[in-house]
């Protein structure tokens, strides 16, 4: 919430997208904190992300933003610095121009002195590169966020996250079930997660895997609880979703299955460790498709089990 007693100038950064999009921008946000230490950093993003934004040490305030459809209501405050971490114009650029900031940190042509937009680079690299152009010391590996203070729903479990916002990222239920069953039979504690609207999918995975009903946490956790679970996990198995980015943020080992999005642009950092599985030659690349991308379907359950066992052998319990 705005603090009327805070005398600091306002730096407003725009990133009005989803969970994974927020988390890949954390290195840039932490760089802005170092580069503008005397500013109040306000992040304009989706209001439902507040529990995660509260865990990003660089951010002082969340300003609810409904995508790019409505003007940003800063409550009459002057914005000293505006940072476009959302994209490039015209929509996002126009939204920030209306705030009349003293300084606009953005790619060209929105900011004439900004860096050129480069296609095909990693999202973390893109935004770190942007803030560095204004002298903010940012590092692509600086992905960490604070662990929630609440106790996790399960400690040291293998989290099998079966949810995805679009069908293009939904690996088949029977394959998730085979992975969950095999790892469970080998003595690992398994929990199954997804968004609340995908609880039937999570229940189908658990039933086919022979897991107890209480192993299904889909729909039972809010964002804080989900972050706490990932932070305390022994391993995360997921498609390219927010769960994968949380595993990166907490440096928990993960097996990440990529479909329409290339891991070269959205994949995890080296630390964790993490194993990426995909078949790039088959990638269709339609992130909004209703059916799974061929690059995702090319990944078999046996490969995921092998990758999971490799990480479990060296990952150790959560710390």
Protein backbone atom coordinates (compact mmCIF):
# COMPACT_ATOMS: atom_id res chain seq x y z
CA UNK A 1 0.00 0.00 0.00
CA UNK A 2 1.19 3.58 -0.58
CA UNK A 3 2.92 5.09 2.41
CA UNK A 4 2.05 8.81 2.60
CA UNK A 5 4.86 9.26 5.09
CA UNK A 6 7.53 7.92 2.74
CA UNK A 7 9.49 10.93 1.41
CA UNK A 8 11.39 8.94 -1.21
CA UNK A 9 10.97 9.58 -4.92
CA UNK A 10 8.95 6.90 -6.71
CA UNK A 11 10.44 4.44 -9.17
CA UNK A 12 7.63 2.59 -10.91
CA UNK A 13 8.37 -0.63 -12.80
CA UNK A 14 5.71 -2.17 -15.07
CA UNK A 15 5.43 -5.97 -15.35
CA UNK A 16 1.69 -6.75 -15.52
CA UNK A 17 1.83 -10.44 -16.43
CA UNK A 18 1.81 -13.87 -14.72
CA UNK A 19 3.84 -15.60 -11.99
CA UNK A 20 6.68 -16.86 -14.18
CA UNK A 21 6.94 -13.46 -15.88
CA UNK A 22 7.30 -11.80 -12.50
CA UNK A 23 9.99 -14.20 -11.33
CA UNK A 24 12.20 -13.84 -14.42
CA UNK A 25 12.19 -10.08 -13.77
CA UNK A 26 13.50 -10.47 -10.19
CA UNK A 27 17.18 -10.04 -11.20
CA UNK A 28 16.34 -6.74 -12.91
CA UNK A 29 14.26 -5.59 -9.93
CA UNK A 30 17.10 -6.39 -7.55
CA UNK A 31 19.43 -4.48 -9.84
CA UNK A 32 17.10 -1.47 -9.72
CA UNK A 33 17.17 -1.64 -5.91
CA UNK A 34 20.97 -1.32 -6.03
CA UNK A 35 20.97 1.29 -8.77
CA UNK A 36 18.29 3.49 -7.18
CA UNK A 37 18.76 2.87 -3.44
CA UNK A 38 17.02 6.09 -2.40
CA UNK A 39 13.80 5.46 -4.34
CA UNK A 40 10.55 3.79 -3.31
CA UNK A 41 10.21 0.93 -5.80
CA UNK A 42 6.61 0.39 -6.90
CA UNK A 43 5.84 -2.64 -9.07
CA UNK A 44 2.78 -2.31 -11.30
CA UNK A 45 1.58 -5.87 -11.79
CA UNK A 46 -1.40 -8.20 -11.39
CA UNK A 47 -2.98 -7.81 -7.96
CA UNK A 48 -3.28 -11.59 -7.44
CA UNK A 49 0.52 -11.80 -7.38
CA UNK A 50 0.75 -9.76 -4.15
CA UNK A 51 1.80 -12.76 -1.98
CA UNK A 52 4.82 -13.34 -4.22
CA UNK A 53 5.62 -9.64 -4.69
CA UNK A 54 5.78 -9.40 -0.89
CA UNK A 55 8.63 -11.95 -1.05
CA UNK A 56 10.72 -9.92 -3.53
CA UNK A 57 13.17 -7.94 -1.38
CA UNK A 58 13.61 -5.22 -3.99
CA UNK A 59 9.95 -4.12 -4.09
CA UNK A 60 8.38 -1.70 -1.61
CA UNK A 61 4.84 -1.61 -3.00
CA UNK A 62 2.53 -3.37 -5.44
CA UNK A 63 0.37 -1.17 -7.65
CA UNK A 64 -2.49 -3.22 -9.13
CA UNK A 65 -2.45 -3.19 -12.93
CA UNK A 66 -5.09 -4.71 -15.18
CA UNK A 67 -2.76 -5.64 -18.01
CA UNK A 68 -2.34 -2.65 -20.30
CA UNK A 69 -6.04 -1.81 -20.56
CA UNK A 70 -6.35 0.87 -17.90
CA UNK A 71 -4.23 3.85 -16.82
CA UNK A 72 -2.00 3.31 -13.80
CA UNK A 73 -3.50 5.00 -10.74
CA UNK A 74 -0.55 6.25 -8.72
CA UNK A 75 -2.78 8.25 -6.37
CA UNK A 76 -1.58 11.62 -7.57
CA UNK A 77 2.04 10.91 -6.74
CA UNK A 78 4.81 12.08 -9.05
CA UNK A 79 6.78 9.28 -10.69
CA UNK A 80 10.45 10.13 -10.86
CA UNK A 81 11.61 7.02 -12.76
CA UNK A 82 9.47 4.69 -14.86
CA UNK A 83 10.87 1.34 -15.98
CA UNK A 84 9.30 -0.74 -18.74
CA UNK A 85 9.89 -4.36 -17.72
CA UNK A 86 6.74 -5.40 -19.59
CA UNK A 87 7.75 -5.11 -23.24
CA UNK A 88 8.15 -2.32 -25.71
CA UNK A 89 5.66 0.14 -27.17
CA UNK A 90 3.26 1.25 -28.13
CA UNK A 91 0.86 -0.03 -25.43
CA UNK A 92 3.25 -0.37 -22.49
CA UNK A 93 5.25 2.65 -23.58
CA UNK A 94 2.15 4.85 -23.81
CA UNK A 95 1.00 3.69 -20.37
CA UNK A 96 4.26 4.88 -18.80
CA UNK A 97 4.46 8.06 -20.88
CA UNK A 98 1.16 9.18 -19.33
CA UNK A 99 2.89 9.24 -15.93
CA UNK A 100 5.30 11.91 -17.24
CA UNK A 101 8.36 10.51 -15.43
CA UNK A 102 11.56 12.48 -15.20
CA UNK A 103 13.43 9.42 -16.49
CA UNK A 104 12.11 6.56 -18.63
CA UNK A 105 14.09 3.31 -18.60
CA UNK A 106 13.00 1.41 -21.68
CA UNK A 107 14.12 -0.09 -24.96
CA UNK A 108 14.23 1.93 -28.12
CA UNK A 109 12.21 3.56 -29.57
CA UNK A 110 10.35 4.28 -26.30
CA UNK A 111 13.57 5.64 -24.79
CA UNK A 112 15.96 7.07 -27.40
CA UNK A 113 18.98 6.29 -25.20
CA UNK A 114 17.83 2.77 -24.39
CA UNK A 115 19.26 -0.46 -25.77
CA UNK A 116 17.88 -2.06 -28.91
CA UNK A 117 15.36 -4.86 -28.40
CA UNK A 118 16.98 -8.20 -29.23
CA UNK A 119 14.83 -11.19 -30.16
CA UNK A 120 15.71 -14.70 -29.05
CA UNK A 121 17.57 -13.90 -25.82
CA UNK A 122 16.62 -15.13 -22.35
CA UNK A 123 14.01 -13.08 -20.54
CA UNK A 124 16.27 -12.63 -17.52
CA UNK A 125 19.01 -11.41 -19.84
CA UNK A 126 16.64 -9.00 -21.58
CA UNK A 127 15.65 -7.12 -18.44
CA UNK A 128 19.06 -7.26 -16.77
CA UNK A 129 20.53 -5.83 -19.96
CA UNK A 130 17.96 -3.02 -19.89
CA UNK A 131 18.59 -1.83 -16.33
CA UNK A 132 22.34 -2.16 -16.75
CA UNK A 133 22.10 0.38 -19.57
CA UNK A 134 21.19 2.93 -16.87
CA UNK A 135 23.97 1.81 -14.54
CA UNK A 136 21.95 -0.49 -12.28
CA UNK A 137 24.18 -3.41 -11.22
CA UNK A 138 22.10 -6.48 -12.03
CA UNK A 139 23.07 -10.15 -12.35
CA UNK A 140 21.06 -12.78 -14.25
CA UNK A 141 21.65 -15.35 -11.51
CA UNK A 142 20.18 -13.09 -8.79
CA UNK A 143 16.83 -14.91 -8.82
CA UNK A 144 16.30 -15.52 -5.09
CA UNK A 145 13.20 -14.41 -3.24
CA UNK A 146 12.38 -14.68 0.46
CA UNK A 147 10.92 -17.91 1.84
CA UNK A 148 7.43 -17.53 3.35
CA UNK A 149 7.31 -17.57 7.13
CA UNK A 150 4.51 -20.18 7.24
CA UNK A 151 5.12 -23.90 7.60
CA UNK A 152 4.92 -25.83 4.31
CA UNK A 153 2.06 -28.25 3.67
CA UNK A 154 4.74 -30.92 3.11
CA UNK A 155 8.44 -30.81 3.95
CA UNK A 156 11.01 -32.50 1.71
CA UNK A 157 8.43 -33.87 -0.74
CA UNK A 158 8.66 -34.41 -4.49
CA UNK A 159 6.23 -31.87 -5.94
CA UNK A 160 4.59 -33.10 -9.13
CA UNK A 161 2.96 -30.00 -10.58
CA UNK A 162 0.46 -31.05 -13.25
CA UNK A 163 -1.18 -27.69 -13.94
CA UNK A 164 -0.62 -25.26 -16.78
CA UNK A 165 -2.59 -22.22 -17.90
CA UNK A 166 -2.77 -23.35 -21.54
CA UNK A 167 -3.13 -26.80 -23.05
CA UNK A 168 0.11 -26.38 -25.00
CA UNK A 169 1.99 -26.96 -21.71
CA UNK A 170 -0.14 -29.82 -20.35
CA UNK A 171 1.84 -33.06 -20.31
CA UNK A 172 -0.50 -36.10 -20.38
CA UNK A 173 -2.10 -37.29 -17.14
CA UNK A 174 -0.99 -40.90 -17.67
CA UNK A 175 2.67 -39.87 -17.96
CA UNK A 176 2.54 -37.73 -14.82
CA UNK A 177 0.90 -40.68 -13.08
CA UNK A 178 3.61 -43.10 -14.17
CA UNK A 179 6.30 -40.73 -12.87
CA UNK A 180 4.50 -40.21 -9.57
CA UNK A 181 3.83 -43.93 -9.08
CA UNK A 182 7.43 -44.93 -9.84
CA UNK A 183 8.98 -42.36 -7.51
CA UNK A 184 6.47 -43.22 -4.80
CA UNK A 185 7.27 -46.93 -5.10
CA UNK A 186 10.95 -46.02 -4.72
CA UNK A 187 10.23 -44.47 -1.34
CA UNK A 188 9.74 -40.78 -2.11
CA UNK A 189 6.97 -38.66 -0.59
CA UNK A 190 4.86 -37.31 -3.49
CA UNK A 191 2.41 -34.42 -3.55
CA UNK A 192 0.43 -33.34 -6.61
CA UNK A 193 -0.25 -29.66 -7.26
CA UNK A 194 -2.10 -27.53 -9.78
CA UNK A 195 -4.39 -24.53 -9.78
CA UNK A 196 -7.74 -24.92 -8.07
CA UNK A 197 -9.58 -25.17 -11.38
CA UNK A 198 -7.35 -28.11 -12.34
CA UNK A 199 -7.96 -30.16 -9.21
CA UNK A 200 -9.80 -32.87 -11.23
CA UNK A 201 -6.66 -33.29 -13.34
CA UNK A 202 -4.50 -33.55 -10.21
CA UNK A 203 -6.93 -36.07 -8.69
CA UNK A 204 -6.77 -38.15 -11.87
CA UNK A 205 -2.97 -38.23 -11.67
CA UNK A 206 -3.03 -39.25 -8.00
CA UNK A 207 -5.65 -41.94 -8.55
CA UNK A 208 -3.78 -43.47 -11.51
CA UNK A 209 -0.54 -43.33 -9.49
CA UNK A 210 -2.10 -45.06 -6.49
CA UNK A 211 -1.48 -42.07 -4.23
CA UNK A 212 -3.69 -41.23 -1.23
CA UNK A 213 -6.27 -38.48 -1.54
CA UNK A 214 -4.38 -36.21 0.84
CA UNK A 215 -1.42 -36.15 -1.55
CA UNK A 216 -3.46 -33.86 -3.81
CA UNK A 217 -2.77 -30.27 -2.79
CA UNK A 218 -4.32 -28.68 -5.89
CA UNK A 219 -6.87 -26.10 -4.79
CA UNK A 220 -5.79 -26.32 -1.15
CA UNK A 221 -2.92 -23.83 -1.22
CA UNK A 222 -2.88 -20.10 -1.76
CA UNK A 223 0.16 -18.53 -3.45
CA UNK A 224 2.00 -18.14 -0.14
CA UNK A 225 1.38 -21.79 0.70
CA UNK A 226 2.46 -22.86 -2.76
CA UNK A 227 5.71 -20.89 -2.47
CA UNK A 228 6.34 -22.40 0.97
CA UNK A 229 5.80 -25.90 -0.43
CA UNK A 230 8.22 -25.34 -3.33
CA UNK A 231 10.81 -23.77 -1.03
CA UNK A 232 10.72 -26.87 1.21
CA UNK A 233 10.60 -29.43 -1.60
CA UNK A 234 13.21 -32.05 -2.37
CA UNK A 235 12.41 -32.00 -6.09
CA UNK A 236 9.93 -30.25 -8.40
CA UNK A 237 8.66 -31.91 -11.58
CA UNK A 238 6.70 -29.55 -13.78
CA UNK A 239 6.13 -28.18 -17.24
CA UNK A 240 7.40 -24.68 -18.00
CA UNK A 241 5.14 -22.90 -15.50
CA UNK A 242 5.34 -20.64 -12.46
CA UNK A 243 6.23 -23.71 -10.38
CA UNK A 244 9.45 -24.07 -12.36
CA UNK A 245 10.37 -20.45 -11.76
CA UNK A 246 9.66 -20.79 -8.03
CA UNK A 247 12.00 -23.80 -7.96
CA UNK A 248 14.66 -21.58 -9.52
CA UNK A 249 13.97 -18.78 -7.04
CA UNK A 250 14.45 -21.18 -4.12
CA UNK A 251 17.24 -23.17 -5.77
CA UNK A 252 15.35 -26.42 -5.45
CA UNK A 253 16.21 -29.20 -7.92
CA UNK A 254 13.70 -29.43 -10.75
CA UNK A 255 12.87 -31.37 -13.87
CA UNK A 256 11.27 -28.92 -16.30
CA UNK A 257 9.40 -30.09 -19.40
CA UNK A 258 9.37 -27.55 -22.22
CA UNK A 259 6.82 -27.44 -25.00
CA UNK A 260 5.95 -24.27 -26.95
CA UNK A 261 8.50 -21.96 -25.31
CA UNK A 262 12.22 -22.48 -25.95
CA UNK A 263 14.30 -23.08 -22.81
CA UNK A 264 16.97 -20.81 -24.29
CA UNK A 265 14.56 -17.94 -23.59
CA UNK A 266 12.65 -19.17 -20.51
CA UNK A 267 14.73 -21.95 -18.95
CA UNK A 268 16.09 -22.17 -15.41
CA UNK A 269 19.51 -20.88 -14.36
CA UNK A 270 22.30 -23.43 -13.75
CA UNK A 271 22.01 -23.38 -9.95
CA UNK A 272 19.47 -25.69 -8.40
CA UNK A 273 20.33 -27.94 -10.16
CA UNK A 274 17.76 -28.28 -12.93
CA UNK A 275 17.27 -30.65 -15.88
CA UNK A 276 15.37 -29.44 -18.94
CA UNK A 277 13.63 -31.97 -21.18
CA UNK A 278 12.17 -31.15 -24.59
CA UNK A 279 12.49 -31.94 -28.29
CA UNK A 280 13.30 -28.66 -29.99
CA UNK A 281 13.07 -30.02 -33.52
CA UNK A 282 9.36 -30.77 -33.01
CA UNK A 283 8.42 -27.45 -31.38
CA UNK A 284 5.31 -25.87 -32.87
CA UNK A 285 5.63 -22.81 -30.66
CA UNK A 286 1.96 -21.87 -30.21
CA UNK A 287 1.81 -21.06 -26.49
CA UNK A 288 -1.98 -20.53 -26.61
CA UNK A 289 -2.85 -23.85 -28.25
CA UNK A 290 -5.40 -26.12 -26.58
CA UNK A 291 -3.41 -29.29 -27.21
CA UNK A 292 0.12 -30.15 -25.98
CA UNK A 293 3.02 -28.95 -28.11
CA UNK A 294 4.80 -31.78 -29.98
CA UNK A 295 8.08 -30.79 -28.26
CA UNK A 296 6.39 -31.58 -24.94
CA UNK A 297 4.76 -34.81 -26.12
CA UNK A 298 8.14 -36.07 -27.31
CA UNK A 299 9.25 -36.28 -23.66
CA UNK A 300 8.48 -39.71 -22.23
CA UNK A 301 7.84 -40.72 -18.64
CA UNK A 302 11.01 -42.83 -18.55
CA UNK A 303 13.18 -39.76 -19.28
CA UNK A 304 11.48 -37.76 -16.54
CA UNK A 305 11.90 -40.58 -14.02
CA UNK A 306 15.59 -40.90 -14.89
CA UNK A 307 16.14 -37.14 -14.55
CA UNK A 308 14.26 -37.08 -11.26
CA UNK A 309 16.26 -39.96 -9.82
CA UNK A 310 19.50 -38.27 -10.89
CA UNK A 311 18.56 -35.10 -9.03
CA UNK A 312 17.22 -36.96 -6.00
CA UNK A 313 20.50 -38.83 -5.71
CA UNK A 314 22.39 -35.57 -5.38
CA UNK A 315 19.82 -32.99 -4.26
CA UNK A 316 19.48 -33.93 -0.60
CA UNK A 317 16.74 -32.62 1.68
CA UNK A 318 15.49 -29.03 1.52
CA UNK A 319 17.34 -26.47 3.59
